[in-house]
Structure formats: structure tokens, C-alpha cells
Amino acid sequence: MTDKISSWSIRPAIPTDIPFVYSTWLRSYRTGSGLGLQSGKHQYFVLYQMILDQILERESTTVLVAALDEDLSIALGYIVIEPKILHYVFVKEPFRRFGIAKALCHATFNKTTPVMTHMTKIGAQIVGDMQEWKLKPEFIFRRGKNGEGNTGTNDRDSYSN
């Protein structure tokens, strides 16, 4: 394991980061979540890639990457967000326990309390001290008019898929 890392910073994702986001999100959620562990491998990867497509293709979705300052093409981890929604945080295993995931969360949601759409065992440890953050997987699919997630109403005009 790495004892120390160079300085790093948070930057917007670039197109070459997106395959890394897909592969690490799919693999880590498959092995780290109840849903992934209970699903057949082939079924999970086919269906969950479609879910990630929906999330990552939305105009309101932002992907931020923690990258080494000395070479910004080296991604240490990332966060996938929408306004008031935290979809996923991932940090490469050798760079865990350096505060990268918490820094991504705090930098993104400095004074707001997001809802989370995904949770893994590791994720539960990271957000453990942020108890006001709530897991609401239904926010994966429904989007409010103002980018604020599921409105909780049955009025078809109040959200879009």
C-alpha cells in the first residue's frame, strides 16, 4: 500500500475518464453492494450499464475527478453528482484512507445535505459521520424540474424520466 501520495486536486472529468468511471463503478458496486452480490453476473453488468448510461448522460450530471497534480491524467478517484444528489464516489484502492473520498464529498456538498442513490460497504464507512445524508435509490430514475430529484408526487408534469 502507498504510504504517502503526492499532492492532488479535483478537476472536471475529461472524456478519457469516462471508461474508468464505468468500469470501476460497475465492478466495485457489483462486489460491494447487496444488489450487486445478489444479481447474476451477466444480468448485473448488462442491466446496470444501462442505469449508468441514464445517469451519466443527463445534462445535470457532473463527474469530478481527484487527480495527481504532477500528472492530471492520473485519476485517483471520482465523484458522480447531480444537484443535491450523490450518485457514487470511488477511490482506487492504493489511495484509500488518505481522505480523498471525504474531500470529494465535502468539496461538492459543502453546505448542503445530499441524498445518495448508491451505497457500498466502504461507502457506509465514509459517510458514517454524515448521518443526515440519506440513501434514496429511487432518485436514480426520477428527476424534478429543478434538478432536485424525485418530487414525491404522482403528477406526471412534476418530473421527467
Protein backbone atom coordinates (compact mmCIF):
# COMPACT_ATOMS: atom_id res chain seq x y z
CA MET A 1 0.00 0.00 0.00
CA THR A 2 1.08 3.56 -0.65
CA ASP A 3 2.28 5.34 2.50
CA LYS A 4 2.08 8.80 1.01
CA ILE A 5 0.75 10.38 -2.13
CA SER A 6 1.84 13.50 -3.91
CA SER A 7 -0.43 16.49 -3.90
CA TRP A 8 -3.67 16.08 -5.75
CA SER A 9 -6.55 18.25 -6.79
CA ILE A 10 -10.12 17.99 -8.00
CA ARG A 11 -10.85 18.65 -11.67
CA PRO A 12 -13.82 18.12 -14.01
CA ALA A 13 -13.83 14.78 -15.79
CA ILE A 14 -12.46 14.64 -19.30
CA PRO A 15 -13.68 12.19 -21.97
CA THR A 16 -10.83 9.75 -21.28
CA ASP A 17 -12.02 9.44 -17.65
CA ILE A 18 -15.45 8.06 -18.57
CA PRO A 19 -14.38 4.45 -19.34
CA PHE A 20 -12.59 4.44 -15.95
CA VAL A 21 -15.80 5.64 -14.27
CA TYR A 22 -17.90 2.96 -15.96
CA SER A 23 -15.54 0.08 -15.25
CA THR A 24 -14.77 0.94 -11.64
CA TRP A 25 -18.38 1.83 -10.75
CA LEU A 26 -19.71 -1.38 -12.30
CA ARG A 27 -17.07 -3.62 -10.70
CA SER A 28 -16.98 -2.00 -7.26
CA TYR A 29 -20.78 -1.82 -6.96
CA ARG A 30 -21.07 -5.45 -8.08
CA THR A 31 -18.79 -6.66 -5.28
CA GLY A 32 -19.60 -4.05 -2.64
CA SER A 33 -23.38 -3.82 -2.59
CA GLY A 34 -26.22 -6.14 -1.71
CA LEU A 35 -27.80 -5.59 -5.12
CA GLY A 36 -24.62 -6.49 -6.97
CA LEU A 37 -23.95 -9.56 -4.85
CA GLN A 38 -27.50 -10.85 -5.25
CA SER A 39 -27.61 -10.43 -9.03
CA GLY A 40 -26.34 -12.83 -11.65
CA LYS A 41 -23.04 -11.54 -13.05
CA HIS A 42 -24.11 -11.22 -16.69
CA GLN A 43 -27.53 -9.83 -15.80
CA TYR A 44 -26.00 -7.26 -13.43
CA PHE A 45 -23.44 -5.92 -15.92
CA VAL A 46 -25.91 -5.64 -18.80
CA LEU A 47 -28.69 -4.01 -16.78
CA TYR A 48 -26.53 -1.82 -14.58
CA GLN A 49 -24.62 -0.40 -17.52
CA MET A 50 -27.97 0.87 -18.81
CA ILE A 51 -28.60 2.55 -15.43
CA LEU A 52 -25.16 4.19 -15.54
CA ASP A 53 -25.88 5.33 -19.10
CA GLN A 54 -29.02 7.08 -17.86
CA ILE A 55 -27.18 8.79 -15.01
CA LEU A 56 -24.04 9.79 -16.90
CA GLU A 57 -25.85 11.05 -20.00
CA ARG A 58 -28.04 13.54 -18.11
CA GLU A 59 -27.20 17.17 -18.66
CA SER A 60 -27.46 17.75 -14.90
CA THR A 61 -24.83 15.10 -14.05
CA THR A 62 -21.32 16.19 -13.13
CA VAL A 63 -18.28 13.95 -12.72
CA LEU A 64 -15.35 15.35 -10.77
CA VAL A 65 -12.00 13.57 -10.61
CA ALA A 66 -9.30 13.59 -7.95
CA ALA A 67 -6.05 13.59 -9.92
CA LEU A 68 -2.36 13.88 -9.17
CA ASP A 69 -1.10 17.44 -9.54
CA GLU A 70 2.09 16.25 -11.22
CA ASP A 71 0.07 14.43 -13.91
CA LEU A 72 -3.60 15.38 -14.10
CA SER A 73 -4.28 12.40 -16.37
CA ILE A 74 -3.74 10.06 -13.40
CA ALA A 75 -7.11 9.69 -11.71
CA LEU A 76 -7.10 8.64 -8.07
CA GLY A 77 -10.88 8.61 -7.78
CA TYR A 78 -14.07 10.44 -8.71
CA ILE A 79 -17.49 11.58 -7.59
CA VAL A 80 -20.69 11.49 -9.70
CA ILE A 81 -23.28 14.06 -8.69
CA GLU A 82 -26.36 15.97 -9.69
CA PRO A 83 -27.75 18.95 -7.78
CA LYS A 84 -28.39 17.72 -4.22
CA ILE A 85 -27.76 14.09 -5.29
CA LEU A 86 -24.66 11.99 -4.70
CA HIS A 87 -24.68 9.03 -7.07
CA TYR A 88 -21.27 7.47 -6.47
CA VAL A 89 -17.80 8.04 -5.06
CA PHE A 90 -14.86 5.82 -5.89
CA VAL A 91 -11.17 5.91 -4.96
CA LYS A 92 -8.56 3.45 -6.25
CA GLU A 93 -7.61 1.01 -3.51
CA PRO A 94 -3.96 2.11 -3.07
CA PHE A 95 -5.15 5.68 -2.47
CA ARG A 96 -7.86 4.96 0.08
CA ARG A 97 -7.58 6.23 3.66
CA PHE A 98 -5.99 9.49 2.53
CA GLY A 99 -9.27 11.41 2.80
CA ILE A 100 -9.87 11.66 -0.94
CA ALA A 101 -13.47 10.41 -0.87
CA LYS A 102 -14.39 12.66 2.04
CA ALA A 103 -12.69 15.62 0.34
CA LEU A 104 -14.68 14.98 -2.85
CA CYS A 105 -17.92 14.81 -0.84
CA HIS A 106 -17.18 17.91 1.24
CA ALA A 107 -15.98 19.94 -1.74
CA THR A 108 -19.12 19.09 -3.66
CA PHE A 109 -21.71 19.34 -0.90
CA ASN A 110 -20.04 21.89 1.34
CA LYS A 111 -23.15 23.34 2.95
CA THR A 112 -25.90 21.11 1.60
CA THR A 113 -27.11 17.67 2.56
CA PRO A 114 -27.46 15.44 -0.50
CA VAL A 115 -29.39 12.25 -0.89
CA MET A 116 -27.40 9.24 -2.05
CA THR A 117 -28.53 6.81 -4.73
CA HIS A 118 -25.89 4.09 -4.21
CA MET A 119 -24.24 2.59 -1.15
CA THR A 120 -21.49 0.05 -0.69
CA LYS A 121 -19.90 -1.30 2.49
CA ILE A 122 -16.98 1.08 2.06
CA GLY A 123 -19.32 3.97 1.28
CA ALA A 124 -21.19 3.39 4.53
CA GLN A 125 -17.93 3.85 6.41
CA ILE A 126 -17.12 7.07 4.57
CA VAL A 127 -20.47 8.74 5.21
CA GLY A 128 -20.84 7.32 8.72
CA ASP A 129 -20.12 10.69 10.31
CA MET A 130 -22.54 12.43 7.94
CA GLN A 131 -25.66 10.86 9.41
CA GLU A 132 -28.03 13.42 7.93
CA TRP A 133 -27.19 12.07 4.46
CA LYS A 134 -29.96 9.67 3.40
CA LEU A 135 -29.93 6.76 0.96
CA LYS A 136 -32.75 7.11 -1.59
CA PRO A 137 -32.13 4.82 -4.58
CA GLU A 138 -35.38 5.94 -6.22
CA PHE A 139 -33.58 9.19 -7.11
CA ILE A 140 -31.63 7.23 -9.74
CA PHE A 141 -34.57 7.45 -12.14
CA ARG A 142 -36.81 10.42 -11.42
CA ARG A 143 -35.69 13.97 -11.88
CA GLY A 144 -37.53 17.05 -10.65
CA LYS A 145 -37.99 20.11 -12.82
CA ASN A 146 -35.31 21.96 -10.86
CA GLY A 147 -32.83 19.07 -10.80
CA GLU A 148 -33.79 18.22 -7.23
CA GLY A 149 -34.68 14.55 -7.61
CA ASN A 150 -37.98 12.79 -7.11
CA THR A 151 -40.69 15.26 -6.19
CA GLY A 152 -42.68 12.60 -4.39
CA THR A 153 -45.88 13.36 -6.29
CA ASN A 154 -47.80 11.39 -8.86
CA ASP A 155 -48.22 14.41 -11.12
CA ARG A 156 -46.56 13.40 -14.40
CA ASP A 157 -45.67 17.04 -15.12
CA SER A 158 -43.63 17.31 -11.93
CA TYR A 159 -40.79 15.13 -13.13
CA SER A 160 -39.34 13.56 -16.22
CA ASN A 161 -37.60 10.25 -16.76
